[in-house]
Amino acid sequence: MPNKILVALDNSSYADKVANYALDVAAKMGGILLGLGVIEGDYLQECSEDDQFACMTRDFWRGSFKDTLNKCHKLAEERQQYFKIYEAEGNAAEEILKFAEKEEIDLIILGHLGKGAAAGGGFPIGSVAQKVSAFSKCPVLIVK
């Protein structure tokens, strides 16, 4: 049975469903749940005082990820479940895989689509879910 479960959350429309599913799985398996949000891509670039829009965009995404993780944390508290929040910056799939290995995660749970191009293109699975499931050293549960 998985003892340490990682739920990778973004700020996509699937995040609430993934969070609830992960909380259910952790409760049924008696595992602890760790939540990871990864800020990636253009949102990481440094912005100058001259480019206030870039700064606002970056800060918006950081806040949005924190809101998603905090929402899941609140649900866990209501259910009296353990949930710890972690944040990372970089390539989402790579950061999820690194975190899972470092923390000796037994099960990774993530959504089938996120905010990427696949979400609007009718693809059955996004690039992050595809990469994580292909390269993970532990089981991966993809929530559709």
C-alpha atoms as a PDB file:
ATOM      1  CA  MET A   1       0.000   0.000   0.000  1.00  0.00           C
ATOM      2  CA  PRO A   2       1.282   3.478  -0.834  1.00  0.00           C
ATOM      3  CA  ASN A   3       2.367   5.378   2.249  1.00  0.00           C
ATOM      4  CA  LYS A   4       3.542   8.627   0.629  1.00  0.00           C
ATOM      5  CA  ILE A   5       1.272   9.952  -2.092  1.00  0.00           C
ATOM      6  CA  LEU A   6       2.109  12.959  -4.245  1.00  0.00           C
ATOM      7  CA  VAL A   7      -0.627  14.965  -5.921  1.00  0.00           C
ATOM      8  CA  ALA A   8       0.681  17.326  -8.587  1.00  0.00           C
ATOM      9  CA  LEU A   9      -1.657  20.280  -8.947  1.00  0.00           C
ATOM     10  CA  ASP A  10      -1.787  23.200 -11.319  1.00  0.00           C
ATOM     11  CA  ASN A  11      -4.362  25.926 -11.680  1.00  0.00           C
ATOM     12  CA  SER A  12      -6.266  24.202 -14.489  1.00  0.00           C
ATOM     13  CA  SER A  13      -9.971  23.433 -14.460  1.00  0.00           C
ATOM     14  CA  TYR A  14      -9.108  19.818 -13.543  1.00  0.00           C
ATOM     15  CA  ALA A  15      -7.258  20.700 -10.320  1.00  0.00           C
ATOM     16  CA  ASP A  16     -10.263  20.477  -7.968  1.00  0.00           C
ATOM     17  CA  LYS A  17     -11.246  17.066  -9.297  1.00  0.00           C
ATOM     18  CA  VAL A  18      -7.667  15.790  -9.022  1.00  0.00           C
ATOM     19  CA  ALA A  19      -7.338  17.155  -5.464  1.00  0.00           C
ATOM     20  CA  ASN A  20     -10.570  15.503  -4.310  1.00  0.00           C
ATOM     21  CA  TYR A  21      -9.606  12.219  -5.938  1.00  0.00           C
ATOM     22  CA  ALA A  22      -6.167  12.305  -4.312  1.00  0.00           C
ATOM     23  CA  LEU A  23      -7.685  12.995  -0.897  1.00  0.00           C
ATOM     24  CA  ASP A  24     -10.043  10.027  -1.363  1.00  0.00           C
ATOM     25  CA  VAL A  25      -7.187   7.715  -2.385  1.00  0.00           C
ATOM     26  CA  ALA A  26      -5.010   8.828   0.541  1.00  0.00           C
ATOM     27  CA  ALA A  27      -7.880   8.273   2.989  1.00  0.00           C
ATOM     28  CA  LYS A  28      -8.669   4.803   1.647  1.00  0.00           C
ATOM     29  CA  MET A  29      -5.029   3.735   1.621  1.00  0.00           C
ATOM     30  CA  GLY A  30      -4.084   5.384   4.885  1.00  0.00           C
ATOM     31  CA  GLY A  31      -1.282   7.319   3.231  1.00  0.00           C
ATOM     32  CA  ILE A  32      -0.003  10.831   3.720  1.00  0.00           C
ATOM     33  CA  LEU A  33      -0.620  13.288   0.912  1.00  0.00           C
ATOM     34  CA  LEU A  34       1.923  15.793  -0.344  1.00  0.00           C
ATOM     35  CA  GLY A  35       0.813  18.480  -2.791  1.00  0.00           C
ATOM     36  CA  LEU A  36       3.198  19.929  -5.357  1.00  0.00           C
ATOM     37  CA  GLY A  37       2.612  22.955  -7.558  1.00  0.00           C
ATOM     38  CA  VAL A  38       5.155  23.730 -10.265  1.00  0.00           C
ATOM     39  CA  ILE A  39       5.430  27.161 -11.823  1.00  0.00           C
ATOM     40  CA  GLU A  40       7.058  26.831 -15.211  1.00  0.00           C
ATOM     41  CA  GLY A  41       7.918  28.516 -18.469  1.00  0.00           C
ATOM     42  CA  ASP A  42       7.571  32.201 -19.178  1.00  0.00           C
ATOM     43  CA  TYR A  43       6.182  32.866 -15.710  1.00  0.00           C
ATOM     44  CA  LEU A  44       9.652  32.368 -14.213  1.00  0.00           C
ATOM     45  CA  GLN A  45      11.426  35.053 -16.189  1.00  0.00           C
ATOM     46  CA  GLU A  46      12.649  38.008 -14.229  1.00  0.00           C
ATOM     47  CA  CYS A  47      10.795  41.186 -14.965  1.00  0.00           C
ATOM     48  CA  SER A  48      12.018  44.725 -14.845  1.00  0.00           C
ATOM     49  CA  GLU A  49      10.315  47.839 -13.585  1.00  0.00           C
ATOM     50  CA  ASP A  50       9.767  48.754 -17.234  1.00  0.00           C
ATOM     51  CA  ASP A  51       7.752  45.599 -17.834  1.00  0.00           C
ATOM     52  CA  GLN A  52       5.059  45.773 -15.187  1.00  0.00           C
ATOM     53  CA  PHE A  53       2.771  43.494 -17.206  1.00  0.00           C
ATOM     54  CA  ALA A  54       5.316  40.653 -17.055  1.00  0.00           C
ATOM     55  CA  CYS A  55       5.646  41.146 -13.292  1.00  0.00           C
ATOM     56  CA  MET A  56       1.886  41.154 -12.820  1.00  0.00           C
ATOM     57  CA  THR A  57       1.515  38.017 -14.957  1.00  0.00           C
ATOM     58  CA  ARG A  58       4.220  36.155 -13.026  1.00  0.00           C
ATOM     59  CA  ASP A  59       2.764  37.189  -9.671  1.00  0.00           C
ATOM     60  CA  PHE A  60      -0.745  36.240 -10.810  1.00  0.00           C
ATOM     61  CA  TRP A  61       0.365  32.700 -11.728  1.00  0.00           C
ATOM     62  CA  ARG A  62       2.268  32.256  -8.460  1.00  0.00           C
ATOM     63  CA  GLY A  63      -0.800  33.393  -6.533  1.00  0.00           C
ATOM     64  CA  SER A  64      -3.073  31.170  -8.587  1.00  0.00           C
ATOM     65  CA  PHE A  65      -0.957  28.075  -7.854  1.00  0.00           C
ATOM     66  CA  LYS A  66      -0.890  28.914  -4.151  1.00  0.00           C
ATOM     67  CA  ASP A  67      -4.674  29.335  -4.159  1.00  0.00           C
ATOM     68  CA  THR A  68      -5.097  25.864  -5.677  1.00  0.00           C
ATOM     69  CA  LEU A  69      -2.753  24.239  -3.147  1.00  0.00           C
ATOM     70  CA  ASN A  70      -4.323  26.111  -0.230  1.00  0.00           C
ATOM     71  CA  LYS A  71      -7.784  25.025  -1.357  1.00  0.00           C
ATOM     72  CA  CYS A  72      -6.673  21.379  -1.282  1.00  0.00           C
ATOM     73  CA  HIS A  73      -5.066  21.938   2.126  1.00  0.00           C
ATOM     74  CA  LYS A  74      -8.353  23.312   3.458  1.00  0.00           C
ATOM     75  CA  LEU A  75     -10.251  20.282   2.109  1.00  0.00           C
ATOM     76  CA  ALA A  76      -7.723  18.003   3.825  1.00  0.00           C
ATOM     77  CA  GLU A  77      -8.164  19.844   7.121  1.00  0.00           C
ATOM     78  CA  GLU A  78     -11.949  19.503   6.848  1.00  0.00           C
ATOM     79  CA  ARG A  79     -11.486  15.757   6.335  1.00  0.00           C
ATOM     80  CA  GLN A  80      -8.865  15.620   9.094  1.00  0.00           C
ATOM     81  CA  GLN A  81      -6.249  14.345   6.652  1.00  0.00           C
ATOM     82  CA  TYR A  82      -2.551  15.113   6.490  1.00  0.00           C
ATOM     83  CA  PHE A  83      -1.590  17.358   3.564  1.00  0.00           C
ATOM     84  CA  LYS A  84       1.642  19.277   3.122  1.00  0.00           C
ATOM     85  CA  ILE A  85       2.221  21.888   0.413  1.00  0.00           C
ATOM     86  CA  TYR A  86       5.371  22.111  -1.688  1.00  0.00           C
ATOM     87  CA  GLU A  87       6.232  24.437  -4.547  1.00  0.00           C
ATOM     88  CA  ALA A  88       8.815  24.139  -7.296  1.00  0.00           C
ATOM     89  CA  GLU A  89       9.903  26.142 -10.311  1.00  0.00           C
ATOM     90  CA  GLY A  90      10.977  24.727 -13.652  1.00  0.00           C
ATOM     91  CA  ASN A  91       9.736  22.121 -16.091  1.00  0.00           C
ATOM     92  CA  ALA A  92       6.622  20.559 -14.530  1.00  0.00           C
ATOM     93  CA  ALA A  93       7.310  16.934 -15.484  1.00  0.00           C
ATOM     94  CA  GLU A  94      10.962  17.115 -14.455  1.00  0.00           C
ATOM     95  CA  GLU A  95      10.169  18.779 -11.127  1.00  0.00           C
ATOM     96  CA  ILE A  96       7.447  16.227 -10.319  1.00  0.00           C
ATOM     97  CA  LEU A  97       9.810  13.345 -11.085  1.00  0.00           C
ATOM     98  CA  LYS A  98      12.679  14.882  -9.070  1.00  0.00           C
ATOM     99  CA  PHE A  99      10.404  15.532  -6.115  1.00  0.00           C
ATOM    100  CA  ALA A 100       8.970  12.008  -6.228  1.00  0.00           C
ATOM    101  CA  GLU A 101      12.414  10.456  -6.183  1.00  0.00           C
ATOM    102  CA  LYS A 102      13.799  12.761  -3.489  1.00  0.00           C
ATOM    103  CA  GLU A 103      10.799  12.254  -1.184  1.00  0.00           C
ATOM    104  CA  GLU A 104      10.550   8.505  -1.930  1.00  0.00           C
ATOM    105  CA  ILE A 105       6.966   8.828  -3.126  1.00  0.00           C
ATOM    106  CA  ASP A 106       4.989   5.581  -3.490  1.00  0.00           C
ATOM    107  CA  LEU A 107       2.257   6.917  -5.803  1.00  0.00           C
ATOM    108  CA  ILE A 108       1.894  10.017  -7.996  1.00  0.00           C
ATOM    109  CA  ILE A 109      -1.574  11.371  -8.785  1.00  0.00           C
ATOM    110  CA  LEU A 110      -2.077  14.021 -11.456  1.00  0.00           C
ATOM    111  CA  GLY A 111      -4.641  15.172 -13.982  1.00  0.00           C
ATOM    112  CA  HIS A 112      -4.711  13.952 -17.566  1.00  0.00           C
ATOM    113  CA  LEU A 113      -4.623  17.532 -18.825  1.00  0.00           C
ATOM    114  CA  GLY A 114      -3.341  20.800 -17.457  1.00  0.00           C
ATOM    115  CA  LYS A 115      -2.926  24.283 -18.868  1.00  0.00           C
ATOM    116  CA  GLY A 116      -0.813  23.305 -21.880  1.00  0.00           C
ATOM    117  CA  ALA A 117      -1.623  23.074 -25.563  1.00  0.00           C
ATOM    118  CA  ALA A 118      -3.199  19.615 -25.235  1.00  0.00           C
ATOM    119  CA  ALA A 119      -5.967  21.021 -23.014  1.00  0.00           C
ATOM    120  CA  GLY A 120      -7.530  22.893 -25.904  1.00  0.00           C
ATOM    121  CA  GLY A 121      -6.570  20.517 -28.678  1.00  0.00           C
ATOM    122  CA  GLY A 122      -8.725  17.493 -27.935  1.00  0.00           C
ATOM    123  CA  PHE A 123      -5.758  15.335 -26.906  1.00  0.00           C
ATOM    124  CA  PRO A 124      -6.500  12.483 -24.487  1.00  0.00           C
ATOM    125  CA  ILE A 125      -3.468  13.199 -22.292  1.00  0.00           C
ATOM    126  CA  GLY A 126      -1.204  16.184 -21.813  1.00  0.00           C
ATOM    127  CA  SER A 127       2.563  16.293 -22.081  1.00  0.00           C
ATOM    128  CA  VAL A 128       3.188  16.472 -18.330  1.00  0.00           C
ATOM    129  CA  ALA A 129       1.034  13.414 -17.571  1.00  0.00           C
ATOM    130  CA  GLN A 130       2.621  11.584 -20.490  1.00  0.00           C
ATOM    131  CA  LYS A 131       6.198  12.310 -19.370  1.00  0.00           C
ATOM    132  CA  VAL A 132       5.554  11.586 -15.700  1.00  0.00           C
ATOM    133  CA  SER A 133       3.867   8.263 -16.458  1.00  0.00           C
ATOM    134  CA  ALA A 134       6.655   7.277 -18.860  1.00  0.00           C
ATOM    135  CA  PHE A 135       9.602   8.106 -16.599  1.00  0.00           C
ATOM    136  CA  SER A 136       8.323   7.663 -13.049  1.00  0.00           C
ATOM    137  CA  LYS A 137       9.934   5.011 -10.875  1.00  0.00           C
ATOM    138  CA  CYS A 138       6.683   4.602  -8.915  1.00  0.00           C
ATOM    139  CA  PRO A 139       3.075   3.999 -10.006  1.00  0.00           C
ATOM    140  CA  VAL A 140       1.205   6.952 -11.515  1.00  0.00           C
ATOM    141  CA  LEU A 141      -2.545   7.444 -11.283  1.00  0.00           C
ATOM    142  CA  ILE A 142      -3.886   9.786 -13.961  1.00  0.00           C
ATOM    143  CA  VAL A 143      -7.267  11.352 -13.193  1.00  0.00           C
ATOM    144  CA  LYS A 144      -9.515  12.031 -16.146  1.00  0.00           C
END
